[in-house]
Amino acid sequence: MSKLSERRREIQAMDVATAQDELKTLRRRLFELRLQKERGEVKNNRLFPQTKADIARLMHHLGELNSAGALEAAGVLTTEAKAETTEAPKPTRAPKQAKEPTATATTDEEAQAKA
């Protein structure tokens, strides 16, 4: 398993409090990286986009948790439905049906006759 997919699974498994703590830690790390960059101490410039991507993943996950929590509080979403929506596969589309031609005026003469 790659490090990226492992990190994504870790983030998806976090609850709100853990995700907020991790977000705070990552933002602090990004701040420290910026300071190190100014002093010329950064050896791996790839840490910047990696940290920013982790922050974005956490913020997205927190948004999902907050919206699910709001729906659950409103009574729209139950705990069982919440589990089903996160694990359910995407629905498949029904095959398109051929449309029947409709009777419309196709020529200028027919349009004028109706008017």
N, C-alpha and C. Protein backbone atom coordinates (compact mmCIF):
# COMPACT_ATOMS: atom_id res chain seq x y z
N MET A 1 0.85 -1.16 0.00
CA MET A 1 0.00 0.00 0.00
C MET A 1 0.90 1.23 0.00
N SER A 2 0.56 2.21 -0.79
CA SER A 2 1.38 3.41 -0.89
C SER A 2 1.15 4.30 0.34
N LYS A 3 2.08 5.19 0.55
CA LYS A 3 1.97 6.10 1.69
C LYS A 3 0.78 7.02 1.54
N LEU A 4 0.50 7.44 0.31
CA LEU A 4 -0.61 8.34 0.07
C LEU A 4 -1.95 7.69 0.39
N SER A 5 -2.18 6.48 -0.08
CA SER A 5 -3.46 5.82 0.21
C SER A 5 -3.57 5.48 1.69
N GLU A 6 -2.45 5.18 2.32
CA GLU A 6 -2.47 4.92 3.76
C GLU A 6 -2.84 6.19 4.52
N ARG A 7 -2.28 7.32 4.10
CA ARG A 7 -2.59 8.60 4.75
C ARG A 7 -4.06 8.96 4.56
N ARG A 8 -4.59 8.71 3.37
CA ARG A 8 -6.01 8.99 3.11
C ARG A 8 -6.91 8.17 4.02
N ARG A 9 -6.56 6.91 4.21
CA ARG A 9 -7.36 6.04 5.09
C ARG A 9 -7.28 6.51 6.53
N GLU A 10 -6.10 6.96 6.95
CA GLU A 10 -5.95 7.48 8.31
C GLU A 10 -6.86 8.69 8.52
N ILE A 11 -6.88 9.57 7.55
CA ILE A 11 -7.70 10.78 7.67
C ILE A 11 -9.18 10.43 7.67
N GLN A 12 -9.61 9.51 6.83
CA GLN A 12 -11.02 9.11 6.79
C GLN A 12 -11.47 8.45 8.09
N ALA A 13 -10.53 7.83 8.81
CA ALA A 13 -10.88 7.15 10.05
C ALA A 13 -10.95 8.10 11.25
N MET A 14 -10.50 9.33 11.08
CA MET A 14 -10.46 10.28 12.20
C MET A 14 -11.84 10.81 12.54
N ASP A 15 -12.04 11.08 13.84
CA ASP A 15 -13.25 11.76 14.26
C ASP A 15 -12.98 13.26 14.27
N VAL A 16 -13.95 14.06 14.65
CA VAL A 16 -13.84 15.51 14.54
C VAL A 16 -12.71 16.05 15.42
N ALA A 17 -12.65 15.62 16.67
CA ALA A 17 -11.64 16.14 17.58
C ALA A 17 -10.22 15.79 17.12
N THR A 18 -10.03 14.55 16.71
CA THR A 18 -8.71 14.12 16.24
C THR A 18 -8.31 14.87 14.98
N ALA A 19 -9.26 15.05 14.07
CA ALA A 19 -8.97 15.76 12.82
C ALA A 19 -8.62 17.22 13.09
N GLN A 20 -9.30 17.85 14.03
CA GLN A 20 -8.99 19.24 14.35
C GLN A 20 -7.61 19.37 14.98
N ASP A 21 -7.25 18.43 15.85
CA ASP A 21 -5.90 18.44 16.44
C ASP A 21 -4.83 18.25 15.37
N GLU A 22 -5.07 17.32 14.47
CA GLU A 22 -4.12 17.06 13.39
C GLU A 22 -4.00 18.28 12.46
N LEU A 23 -5.12 18.94 12.20
CA LEU A 23 -5.11 20.13 11.37
C LEU A 23 -4.28 21.24 12.02
N LYS A 24 -4.45 21.39 13.31
CA LYS A 24 -3.68 22.39 14.05
C LYS A 24 -2.18 22.08 13.97
N THR A 25 -1.83 20.81 14.12
CA THR A 25 -0.43 20.38 14.04
C THR A 25 0.16 20.65 12.65
N LEU A 26 -0.60 20.32 11.61
CA LEU A 26 -0.11 20.51 10.24
C LEU A 26 0.06 22.00 9.91
N ARG A 27 -0.86 22.82 10.38
CA ARG A 27 -0.73 24.26 10.12
C ARG A 27 0.51 24.81 10.83
N ARG A 28 0.78 24.32 12.02
CA ARG A 28 1.97 24.74 12.75
C ARG A 28 3.23 24.29 12.00
N ARG A 29 3.22 23.06 11.48
CA ARG A 29 4.35 22.54 10.72
C ARG A 29 4.61 23.38 9.47
N LEU A 30 3.54 23.77 8.78
CA LEU A 30 3.69 24.60 7.59
C LEU A 30 4.28 25.96 7.96
N PHE A 31 3.85 26.52 9.08
CA PHE A 31 4.40 27.79 9.54
C PHE A 31 5.90 27.65 9.83
N GLU A 32 6.27 26.57 10.50
CA GLU A 32 7.68 26.34 10.81
C GLU A 32 8.51 26.11 9.55
N LEU A 33 7.94 25.45 8.57
CA LEU A 33 8.63 25.26 7.29
C LEU A 33 8.90 26.59 6.60
N ARG A 34 7.92 27.48 6.66
CA ARG A 34 8.12 28.80 6.06
C ARG A 34 9.26 29.56 6.75
N LEU A 35 9.30 29.46 8.07
CA LEU A 35 10.39 30.11 8.81
C LEU A 35 11.74 29.51 8.42
N GLN A 36 11.78 28.18 8.32
CA GLN A 36 13.02 27.51 7.95
C GLN A 36 13.45 27.90 6.53
N LYS A 37 12.48 28.08 5.66
CA LYS A 37 12.80 28.46 4.28
C LYS A 37 13.46 29.84 4.26
N GLU A 38 12.94 30.77 5.08
CA GLU A 38 13.52 32.11 5.14
C GLU A 38 14.96 32.07 5.66
N ARG A 39 15.24 31.15 6.57
CA ARG A 39 16.59 31.03 7.11
C ARG A 39 17.49 30.18 6.23
N GLY A 40 16.91 29.54 5.20
CA GLY A 40 17.68 28.70 4.30
C GLY A 40 17.99 27.32 4.85
N GLU A 41 17.16 26.83 5.76
CA GLU A 41 17.39 25.54 6.41
C GLU A 41 16.62 24.38 5.79
N VAL A 42 15.73 24.66 4.85
CA VAL A 42 14.90 23.60 4.26
C VAL A 42 15.73 22.81 3.26
N LYS A 43 15.76 21.50 3.45
CA LYS A 43 16.50 20.63 2.54
C LYS A 43 15.58 19.95 1.54
N ASN A 44 14.32 19.75 1.91
CA ASN A 44 13.37 19.06 1.05
C ASN A 44 12.19 20.00 0.77
N ASN A 45 12.20 20.61 -0.40
CA ASN A 45 11.12 21.55 -0.75
C ASN A 45 9.79 20.85 -1.00
N ARG A 46 9.80 19.55 -1.16
CA ARG A 46 8.57 18.80 -1.41
C ARG A 46 7.66 18.76 -0.19
N LEU A 47 8.19 19.11 0.98
CA LEU A 47 7.38 19.11 2.20
C LEU A 47 6.27 20.14 2.15
N PHE A 48 6.48 21.24 1.43
CA PHE A 48 5.46 22.29 1.36
C PHE A 48 4.17 21.78 0.70
N PRO A 49 4.21 21.27 -0.53
CA PRO A 49 2.96 20.80 -1.14
C PRO A 49 2.37 19.58 -0.44
N GLN A 50 3.21 18.73 0.14
CA GLN A 50 2.69 17.58 0.87
C GLN A 50 1.90 18.02 2.09
N THR A 51 2.43 18.98 2.82
CA THR A 51 1.75 19.47 4.01
C THR A 51 0.46 20.20 3.62
N LYS A 52 0.52 20.99 2.56
CA LYS A 52 -0.68 21.69 2.11
C LYS A 52 -1.76 20.71 1.66
N ALA A 53 -1.36 19.63 1.00
CA ALA A 53 -2.33 18.63 0.55
C ALA A 53 -2.97 17.92 1.74
N ASP A 54 -2.18 17.61 2.76
CA ASP A 54 -2.74 17.00 3.97
C ASP A 54 -3.71 17.94 4.66
N ILE A 55 -3.38 19.23 4.70
CA ILE A 55 -4.29 20.21 5.29
C ILE A 55 -5.60 20.24 4.51
N ALA A 56 -5.52 20.21 3.19
CA ALA A 56 -6.72 20.23 2.35
C ALA A 56 -7.55 18.97 2.58
N ARG A 57 -6.90 17.82 2.68
CA ARG A 57 -7.63 16.57 2.93
C ARG A 57 -8.36 16.63 4.27
N LEU A 58 -7.68 17.13 5.29
CA LEU A 58 -8.30 17.23 6.61
C LEU A 58 -9.47 18.21 6.60
N MET A 59 -9.29 19.33 5.94
CA MET A 59 -10.38 20.31 5.89
C MET A 59 -11.60 19.75 5.16
N HIS A 60 -11.35 18.99 4.09
CA HIS A 60 -12.45 18.35 3.36
C HIS A 60 -13.16 17.34 4.26
N HIS A 61 -12.37 16.54 4.97
CA HIS A 61 -12.95 15.53 5.85
C HIS A 61 -13.75 16.19 6.97
N LEU A 62 -13.23 17.27 7.54
CA LEU A 62 -13.97 17.98 8.58
C LEU A 62 -15.27 18.56 8.04
N GLY A 63 -15.24 19.05 6.82
CA GLY A 63 -16.47 19.55 6.20
C GLY A 63 -17.51 18.47 6.03
N GLU A 64 -17.06 17.29 5.62
CA GLU A 64 -17.98 16.16 5.48
C GLU A 64 -18.57 15.77 6.84
N LEU A 65 -17.71 15.72 7.86
CA LEU A 65 -18.19 15.37 9.20
C LEU A 65 -19.17 16.40 9.73
N ASN A 66 -18.88 17.68 9.51
CA ASN A 66 -19.78 18.74 9.99
C ASN A 66 -21.12 18.71 9.28
N SER A 67 -21.10 18.50 7.95
CA SER A 67 -22.37 18.46 7.22
C SER A 67 -23.18 17.22 7.60
N ALA A 68 -22.50 16.10 7.81
CA ALA A 68 -23.21 14.89 8.23
C ALA A 68 -23.77 15.09 9.63
N GLY A 69 -23.02 15.76 10.49
CA GLY A 69 -23.50 16.03 11.84
C GLY A 69 -24.69 16.96 11.84
N ALA A 70 -24.68 17.97 10.97
CA ALA A 70 -25.79 18.90 10.89
C ALA A 70 -27.05 18.19 10.36
N LEU A 71 -26.87 17.34 9.37
CA LEU A 71 -28.02 16.60 8.84
C LEU A 71 -28.58 15.63 9.88
N GLU A 72 -27.68 15.03 10.63
CA GLU A 72 -28.12 14.08 11.66
C GLU A 72 -28.86 14.82 12.77
N ALA A 73 -28.38 16.01 13.14
CA ALA A 73 -29.04 16.80 14.17
C ALA A 73 -30.42 17.27 13.71
N ALA A 74 -30.55 17.53 12.42
CA ALA A 74 -31.84 17.96 11.89
C ALA A 74 -32.82 16.80 11.73
N GLY A 75 -32.32 15.59 11.89
CA GLY A 75 -33.19 14.42 11.78
C GLY A 75 -33.31 13.90 10.37
N VAL A 76 -32.59 14.49 9.45
CA VAL A 76 -32.65 14.06 8.05
C VAL A 76 -31.85 12.79 7.85
N LEU A 77 -30.74 12.69 8.55
CA LEU A 77 -29.82 11.57 8.36
C LEU A 77 -29.67 10.83 9.67
N THR A 78 -29.93 9.54 9.67
CA THR A 78 -29.73 8.73 10.87
C THR A 78 -28.33 8.14 10.86
N THR A 79 -27.91 7.59 11.96
CA THR A 79 -26.58 7.02 12.05
C THR A 79 -26.41 5.86 11.08
N GLU A 80 -27.44 5.05 10.91
CA GLU A 80 -27.37 3.93 9.97
C GLU A 80 -27.28 4.42 8.54
N ALA A 81 -28.06 5.44 8.21
CA ALA A 81 -28.02 5.99 6.85
C ALA A 81 -26.69 6.65 6.58
N LYS A 82 -26.10 7.25 7.61
CA LYS A 82 -24.79 7.89 7.46
C LYS A 82 -23.74 6.85 7.09
N ALA A 83 -23.79 5.68 7.74
CA ALA A 83 -22.84 4.61 7.44
C ALA A 83 -23.06 4.08 6.03
N GLU A 84 -24.31 4.01 5.61
CA GLU A 84 -24.61 3.52 4.27
C GLU A 84 -24.16 4.50 3.19
N THR A 85 -24.31 5.80 3.45
CA THR A 85 -23.93 6.78 2.44
C THR A 85 -22.43 6.85 2.25
N THR A 86 -21.66 6.60 3.29
CA THR A 86 -20.21 6.66 3.15
C THR A 86 -19.65 5.40 2.50
N GLU A 87 -20.36 4.29 2.60
CA GLU A 87 -19.85 3.03 2.08
C GLU A 87 -20.56 2.56 0.82
N ALA A 88 -21.69 3.15 0.48
CA ALA A 88 -22.47 2.69 -0.66
C ALA A 88 -21.78 3.08 -1.97
N PRO A 89 -21.80 2.18 -2.95
CA PRO A 89 -21.22 2.53 -4.26
C PRO A 89 -22.12 3.52 -4.97
N LYS A 90 -21.56 4.17 -5.97
CA LYS A 90 -22.33 5.14 -6.73
C LYS A 90 -23.44 4.42 -7.50
N PRO A 91 -24.62 5.03 -7.55
CA PRO A 91 -25.71 4.38 -8.30
C PRO A 91 -25.42 4.42 -9.79
N THR A 92 -25.90 3.39 -10.46
CA THR A 92 -25.70 3.33 -11.91
C THR A 92 -26.88 4.02 -12.59
N ARG A 93 -26.61 4.54 -13.74
CA ARG A 93 -27.66 5.22 -14.49
C ARG A 93 -28.50 4.21 -15.25
N ALA A 94 -29.76 4.55 -15.37
CA ALA A 94 -30.65 3.72 -16.16
C ALA A 94 -30.35 3.99 -17.64
N PRO A 95 -30.51 3.01 -18.49
CA PRO A 95 -30.24 3.24 -19.91
C PRO A 95 -31.18 4.30 -20.47
N LYS A 96 -30.65 5.09 -21.37
CA LYS A 96 -31.45 6.15 -21.97
C LYS A 96 -32.50 5.55 -22.89
N GLN A 97 -33.69 6.12 -22.82
CA GLN A 97 -34.77 5.67 -23.69
C GLN A 97 -34.87 6.63 -24.87
N ALA A 98 -35.23 6.07 -26.01
CA ALA A 98 -35.36 6.89 -27.22
C ALA A 98 -36.57 7.81 -27.07
N LYS A 99 -36.39 9.05 -27.43
CA LYS A 99 -37.49 9.99 -27.35
C LYS A 99 -38.37 9.85 -28.58
N GLU A 100 -39.67 9.98 -28.35
CA GLU A 100 -40.59 9.93 -29.47
C GLU A 100 -40.64 11.30 -30.12
N PRO A 101 -40.70 11.33 -31.44
CA PRO A 101 -40.76 12.63 -32.10
C PRO A 101 -42.06 13.35 -31.73
N THR A 102 -41.95 14.63 -31.51
CA THR A 102 -43.13 15.42 -31.17
C THR A 102 -43.59 16.17 -32.41
N ALA A 103 -44.86 16.48 -32.42
CA ALA A 103 -45.43 17.20 -33.57
C ALA A 103 -45.14 18.68 -33.39
N THR A 104 -44.19 19.18 -34.16
CA THR A 104 -43.86 20.61 -34.12
C THR A 104 -43.85 21.14 -35.53
N ALA A 105 -44.02 22.42 -35.65
CA ALA A 105 -43.97 23.06 -36.97
C ALA A 105 -42.54 23.09 -37.43
N THR A 106 -42.28 22.44 -38.56
CA THR A 106 -40.91 22.37 -39.04
C THR A 106 -40.66 23.28 -40.23
N THR A 107 -41.70 23.71 -40.86
CA THR A 107 -41.51 24.58 -42.02
C THR A 107 -42.13 25.94 -41.73
N ASP A 108 -41.78 26.93 -42.53
CA ASP A 108 -42.30 28.28 -42.35
C ASP A 108 -43.80 28.34 -42.63
N GLU A 109 -44.26 27.54 -43.59
CA GLU A 109 -45.68 27.57 -43.94
C GLU A 109 -46.53 27.05 -42.79
N GLU A 110 -46.07 25.97 -42.14
CA GLU A 110 -46.83 25.41 -41.01
C GLU A 110 -46.83 26.39 -39.84
N ALA A 111 -45.73 27.08 -39.61
CA ALA A 111 -45.65 28.05 -38.53
C ALA A 111 -46.60 29.21 -38.77
N GLN A 112 -46.69 29.66 -40.05
CA GLN A 112 -47.58 30.76 -40.37
C GLN A 112 -49.04 30.32 -40.28
N ALA A 113 -49.31 29.07 -40.61
CA ALA A 113 -50.70 28.57 -40.55
C ALA A 113 -51.19 28.52 -39.10
N LYS A 114 -50.29 28.22 -38.16
CA LYS A 114 -50.69 28.18 -36.76
C LYS A 114 -50.91 29.58 -36.20
N ALA A 115 -50.21 30.55 -36.74
CA ALA A 115 -50.32 31.93 -36.20
C ALA A 115 -51.52 32.63 -36.68
